Amino acid sequence: MSKPPFRFKQFAIAQDRCAMKVGTDGVLLGAWTPISQQPYSILDVGSGTGLIGLMLAQRSGAAQIDGIELDTDAYEQCVENFEATPWNDRLFCYHASFQEFFSEIEEQYDLIVSNPPFYAEQVSSGDQQRDIARQSSSLPFDHLLVGVRQLLEPQQGVFATILPYKEESGFIELAAQLDLYPTQICRVQGNENSAIKRSLIAFSTQKKVLIEESLVLEMERNQYTQAYRELTKDFYLKF
């Protein structure tokens, strides 16, 4: 028997065939990603279940929201999740690697998002599908950034991602080599006494004043902060 879908306020995510399930990282990126530029076209690199694309469909009026997913099972499930929503006429998923995609596609996107694989260590979990989805060898940061730079609309385009905090400075240095500059950074802690765990970063091809902020998720176990509730209140049923 397949597991029931993960239900949000306006859509549900079937995830029984996906290596990477709905998690805090994806929800944070989908809720935090800047959309003040009112993007017409959005690209989600490594769409998995389709969660981030669906969150951005709910948040924005973008007419074109594309996903790219290499894993066959995840791709098929993403398509099913897209089709089961009120925004299915705006959502499409490509079955390809990002490297194949950006070498063949000529159009550009107003917003590109990615919750990329970031584990460099080749440590096996016993689940090959999950290992490929988690390990950066399947989409190295430099490949991701080269493709983003090629596909990002050069004037108002925004690229948003979420990374382990320890990868933040190195990733920003790589991006700068391609004339991609951070405009917003939100550093995430599990609680106020824990180390910074994640960095949400938005990039532009234009140098701008950098806005830096922080976000604490919990006051104590399962007691969520008002800031986290406010960020995700349009999505989580419990908020």
Protein backbone atom coordinates (compact mmCIF):
# COMPACT_ATOMS: atom_id res chain seq x y z
CA MET A 1 0.00 0.00 0.00
CA SER A 2 1.39 3.41 -0.97
CA LYS A 3 1.75 6.06 1.70
CA PRO A 4 -0.79 8.89 1.78
CA PRO A 5 0.28 12.17 0.21
CA PHE A 6 1.70 15.08 2.21
CA ARG A 7 -1.11 17.62 2.37
CA PHE A 8 -0.68 21.36 2.27
CA LYS A 9 -3.46 23.94 2.39
CA GLN A 10 -3.98 24.19 -1.37
CA PHE A 11 -2.33 21.05 -2.80
CA ALA A 12 -1.05 17.59 -1.92
CA ILE A 13 2.29 15.93 -2.68
CA ALA A 14 2.39 12.22 -3.48
CA GLN A 15 5.96 11.13 -2.70
CA ASP A 16 6.02 7.35 -2.38
CA ARG A 17 8.16 7.00 -5.54
CA CYS A 18 10.60 9.82 -4.77
CA ALA A 19 13.94 9.37 -3.04
CA MET A 20 13.78 12.81 -1.44
CA LYS A 21 10.57 13.38 0.48
CA VAL A 22 8.93 16.66 1.46
CA GLY A 23 11.29 18.33 3.91
CA THR A 24 11.98 21.60 5.65
CA ASP A 25 14.63 22.67 3.11
CA GLY A 26 12.21 22.54 0.19
CA VAL A 27 9.43 24.28 2.09
CA LEU A 28 11.81 27.03 3.22
CA LEU A 29 13.03 27.65 -0.33
CA GLY A 30 9.53 27.63 -1.80
CA ALA A 31 8.24 30.07 0.82
CA TRP A 32 11.31 32.36 0.99
CA THR A 33 12.29 32.75 -2.67
CA PRO A 34 11.88 36.43 -3.70
CA ILE A 35 9.13 37.06 -6.25
CA SER A 36 8.84 40.85 -6.00
CA GLN A 37 10.05 41.06 -9.61
CA GLN A 38 6.80 39.26 -10.56
CA PRO A 39 8.40 36.53 -12.68
CA TYR A 40 6.65 35.44 -15.87
CA SER A 41 8.75 32.27 -16.20
CA ILE A 42 10.20 30.04 -13.46
CA LEU A 43 12.55 27.06 -13.64
CA ASP A 44 13.03 24.54 -10.80
CA VAL A 45 16.26 22.58 -11.21
CA GLY A 46 15.94 19.09 -9.71
CA SER A 47 12.22 19.30 -9.09
CA GLY A 48 11.81 16.00 -7.22
CA THR A 49 8.20 15.79 -6.06
CA GLY A 50 7.41 19.17 -7.62
CA LEU A 51 6.99 20.80 -4.21
CA ILE A 52 8.87 24.05 -4.91
CA GLY A 53 7.24 24.56 -8.30
CA LEU A 54 3.81 24.11 -6.72
CA MET A 55 4.59 26.53 -3.90
CA LEU A 56 5.69 29.13 -6.44
CA ALA A 57 2.58 28.49 -8.53
CA GLN A 58 0.50 29.25 -5.43
CA ARG A 59 2.54 32.36 -4.54
CA SER A 60 2.92 33.91 -8.00
CA GLY A 61 1.10 34.59 -11.21
CA ALA A 62 3.91 33.15 -13.34
CA ALA A 63 2.50 31.84 -16.60
CA GLN A 64 5.29 29.29 -17.13
CA ILE A 65 6.70 27.12 -14.36
CA ASP A 66 9.04 24.38 -15.57
CA GLY A 67 10.72 21.63 -13.62
CA ILE A 68 13.67 19.43 -14.57
CA GLU A 69 14.08 15.99 -13.01
CA LEU A 70 16.54 13.26 -14.00
CA ASP A 71 15.24 10.34 -11.93
CA THR A 72 12.46 8.55 -13.81
CA ASP A 73 10.26 7.73 -10.81
CA ALA A 74 10.56 11.24 -9.39
CA TYR A 75 9.86 12.77 -12.81
CA GLU A 76 6.68 10.71 -13.23
CA GLN A 77 5.50 11.56 -9.73
CA CYS A 78 6.25 15.25 -10.27
CA VAL A 79 4.10 15.22 -13.41
CA GLU A 80 1.27 13.55 -11.50
CA ASN A 81 1.52 16.10 -8.68
CA PHE A 82 1.50 18.98 -11.17
CA GLU A 83 -1.53 17.61 -13.00
CA ALA A 84 -3.52 17.18 -9.77
CA THR A 85 -3.52 20.91 -8.96
CA PRO A 86 -5.54 23.94 -10.09
CA TRP A 87 -2.38 25.37 -11.70
CA ASN A 88 -1.70 22.43 -14.03
CA ASP A 89 -1.93 24.64 -17.12
CA ARG A 90 1.12 26.59 -15.91
CA LEU A 91 3.28 23.64 -14.82
CA PHE A 92 5.49 21.35 -16.91
CA CYS A 93 8.30 18.95 -16.06
CA TYR A 94 11.18 17.88 -18.32
CA HIS A 95 12.78 14.45 -17.93
CA ALA A 96 16.47 15.29 -18.35
CA SER A 97 19.67 16.19 -16.59
CA PHE A 98 20.26 19.89 -16.06
CA GLN A 99 23.43 19.63 -18.13
CA GLU A 100 21.42 18.26 -21.09
CA PHE A 101 18.73 20.87 -20.58
CA PHE A 102 20.86 24.00 -20.56
CA SER A 103 22.96 22.78 -23.50
CA GLU A 104 19.84 22.56 -25.65
CA ILE A 105 17.45 25.25 -24.38
CA GLU A 106 17.84 28.80 -25.65
CA GLU A 107 15.08 30.59 -23.73
CA GLN A 108 15.76 32.37 -20.45
CA TYR A 109 13.87 32.44 -17.15
CA ASP A 110 12.97 35.31 -14.82
CA LEU A 111 13.42 33.09 -11.76
CA ILE A 112 15.47 29.92 -11.30
CA VAL A 113 15.30 27.92 -8.09
CA SER A 114 17.16 24.84 -6.93
CA ASN A 115 17.38 22.75 -3.80
CA PRO A 116 20.53 21.03 -5.08
CA PRO A 117 22.25 17.84 -3.98
CA PHE A 118 25.08 18.89 -1.71
CA TYR A 119 26.72 15.86 -0.08
CA ALA A 120 30.21 15.50 -1.50
CA GLU A 121 30.92 12.34 0.52
CA GLN A 122 30.17 9.12 -1.34
CA VAL A 123 28.48 7.49 1.66
CA SER A 124 25.87 4.86 0.89
CA SER A 125 22.54 4.85 2.68
CA GLY A 126 21.63 1.52 1.10
CA ASP A 127 19.19 3.30 -1.23
CA GLN A 128 20.87 4.08 -4.56
CA GLN A 129 18.07 6.40 -5.70
CA ARG A 130 18.34 8.47 -2.52
CA ASP A 131 22.15 8.56 -2.69
CA ILE A 132 22.09 9.96 -6.24
CA ALA A 133 19.53 12.59 -5.25
CA ARG A 134 21.61 13.69 -2.23
CA GLN A 135 25.17 13.61 -3.58
CA SER A 136 26.58 16.61 -5.41
CA SER A 137 28.36 14.42 -7.98
CA SER A 138 25.01 14.18 -9.80
CA LEU A 139 24.93 17.99 -10.19
CA PRO A 140 28.19 19.68 -9.13
CA PHE A 141 27.84 23.28 -7.99
CA ASP A 142 29.91 24.59 -10.90
CA HIS A 143 27.65 22.83 -13.42
CA LEU A 144 24.58 24.21 -11.68
CA LEU A 145 25.92 27.77 -11.74
CA VAL A 146 27.06 27.63 -15.38
CA GLY A 147 23.58 26.51 -16.41
CA VAL A 148 21.89 29.11 -14.22
CA ARG A 149 24.03 31.89 -15.68
CA GLN A 150 23.14 30.79 -19.20
CA LEU A 151 19.39 30.50 -18.59
CA LEU A 152 18.83 33.44 -16.23
CA GLU A 153 17.27 36.60 -17.67
CA PRO A 154 20.15 39.08 -17.38
CA GLN A 155 18.37 42.24 -16.23
CA GLN A 156 15.81 41.32 -13.57
CA GLY A 157 16.45 37.59 -13.23
CA VAL A 158 16.79 35.98 -9.78
CA PHE A 159 18.39 32.67 -8.81
CA ALA A 160 17.46 31.28 -5.38
CA THR A 161 18.89 28.25 -3.61
CA ILE A 162 19.33 26.61 -0.20
CA LEU A 163 22.66 25.18 0.96
CA PRO A 164 24.38 23.92 4.07
CA TYR A 165 25.83 26.98 5.84
CA LYS A 166 29.35 25.53 5.51
CA GLU A 167 28.99 25.70 1.70
CA GLU A 168 27.82 29.34 1.63
CA SER A 169 31.11 31.19 1.13
CA GLY A 170 32.52 28.74 -1.42
CA PHE A 171 29.31 28.79 -3.43
CA ILE A 172 29.24 32.60 -3.43
CA GLU A 173 32.85 32.66 -4.66
CA LEU A 174 31.99 30.24 -7.49
CA ALA A 175 28.96 32.33 -8.43
CA ALA A 176 31.02 35.54 -8.52
CA GLN A 177 33.28 34.00 -11.17
CA LEU A 178 30.17 33.89 -13.39
CA ASP A 179 28.99 37.40 -12.47
CA LEU A 180 26.26 36.18 -10.15
CA TYR A 181 26.08 38.20 -6.95
CA PRO A 182 24.14 37.58 -3.70
CA THR A 183 21.36 40.07 -3.03
CA GLN A 184 19.67 38.35 -0.07
CA ILE A 185 20.87 35.77 2.45
CA CYS A 186 18.80 34.19 5.21
CA ARG A 187 20.72 31.98 7.63
CA VAL A 188 18.65 29.31 9.35
CA GLN A 189 19.01 27.81 12.84
CA GLY A 190 17.02 24.94 14.28
CA ASN A 191 16.74 26.83 17.58
CA GLU A 192 18.39 29.91 19.04
CA ASN A 193 21.10 27.85 20.76
CA SER A 194 22.03 25.70 17.77
CA ALA A 195 24.58 26.40 15.04
CA ILE A 196 23.50 27.90 11.73
CA LYS A 197 22.43 24.95 9.58
CA ARG A 198 21.27 26.35 6.22
CA SER A 199 21.74 29.40 4.03
CA LEU A 200 18.97 30.62 1.74
CA ILE A 201 20.61 32.77 -0.95
CA ALA A 202 19.19 34.87 -3.79
CA PHE A 203 21.51 35.93 -6.62
CA SER A 204 21.35 38.47 -9.44
CA THR A 205 23.60 39.42 -12.33
CA GLN A 206 23.37 42.97 -10.98
CA LYS A 207 25.39 44.06 -7.94
CA LYS A 208 23.02 45.32 -5.25
CA VAL A 209 23.08 46.08 -1.54
CA LEU A 210 23.13 42.72 0.24
CA ILE A 211 20.23 42.10 2.62
CA GLU A 212 21.13 39.64 5.40
CA GLU A 213 18.71 38.13 7.90
CA SER A 214 18.32 35.12 10.15
CA LEU A 215 15.53 32.68 10.89
CA VAL A 216 15.09 30.40 13.90
CA LEU A 217 12.67 27.51 13.35
CA GLU A 218 11.80 26.31 16.86
CA MET A 219 11.71 27.68 20.40
CA GLU A 220 11.77 24.08 21.62
CA ARG A 221 10.92 20.74 20.08
CA ASN A 222 7.73 21.12 17.96
CA GLN A 223 7.20 24.65 19.30
CA TYR A 224 7.70 26.79 16.22
CA THR A 225 8.73 30.43 16.21
CA GLN A 226 6.36 33.13 15.03
CA ALA A 227 8.78 34.04 12.22
CA TYR A 228 8.75 30.48 10.83
CA ARG A 229 4.97 30.28 11.16
CA GLU A 230 4.58 33.59 9.36
CA LEU A 231 6.84 32.47 6.50
CA THR A 232 5.04 29.16 5.93
CA LYS A 233 1.48 29.91 7.10
CA ASP A 234 0.01 29.79 3.58
CA PHE A 235 1.20 26.20 3.17
CA TYR A 236 1.36 24.07 6.32
CA LEU A 237 -2.00 22.81 7.56
CA LYS A 238 -0.84 23.07 11.18
CA PHE A 239 -0.01 26.76 10.83
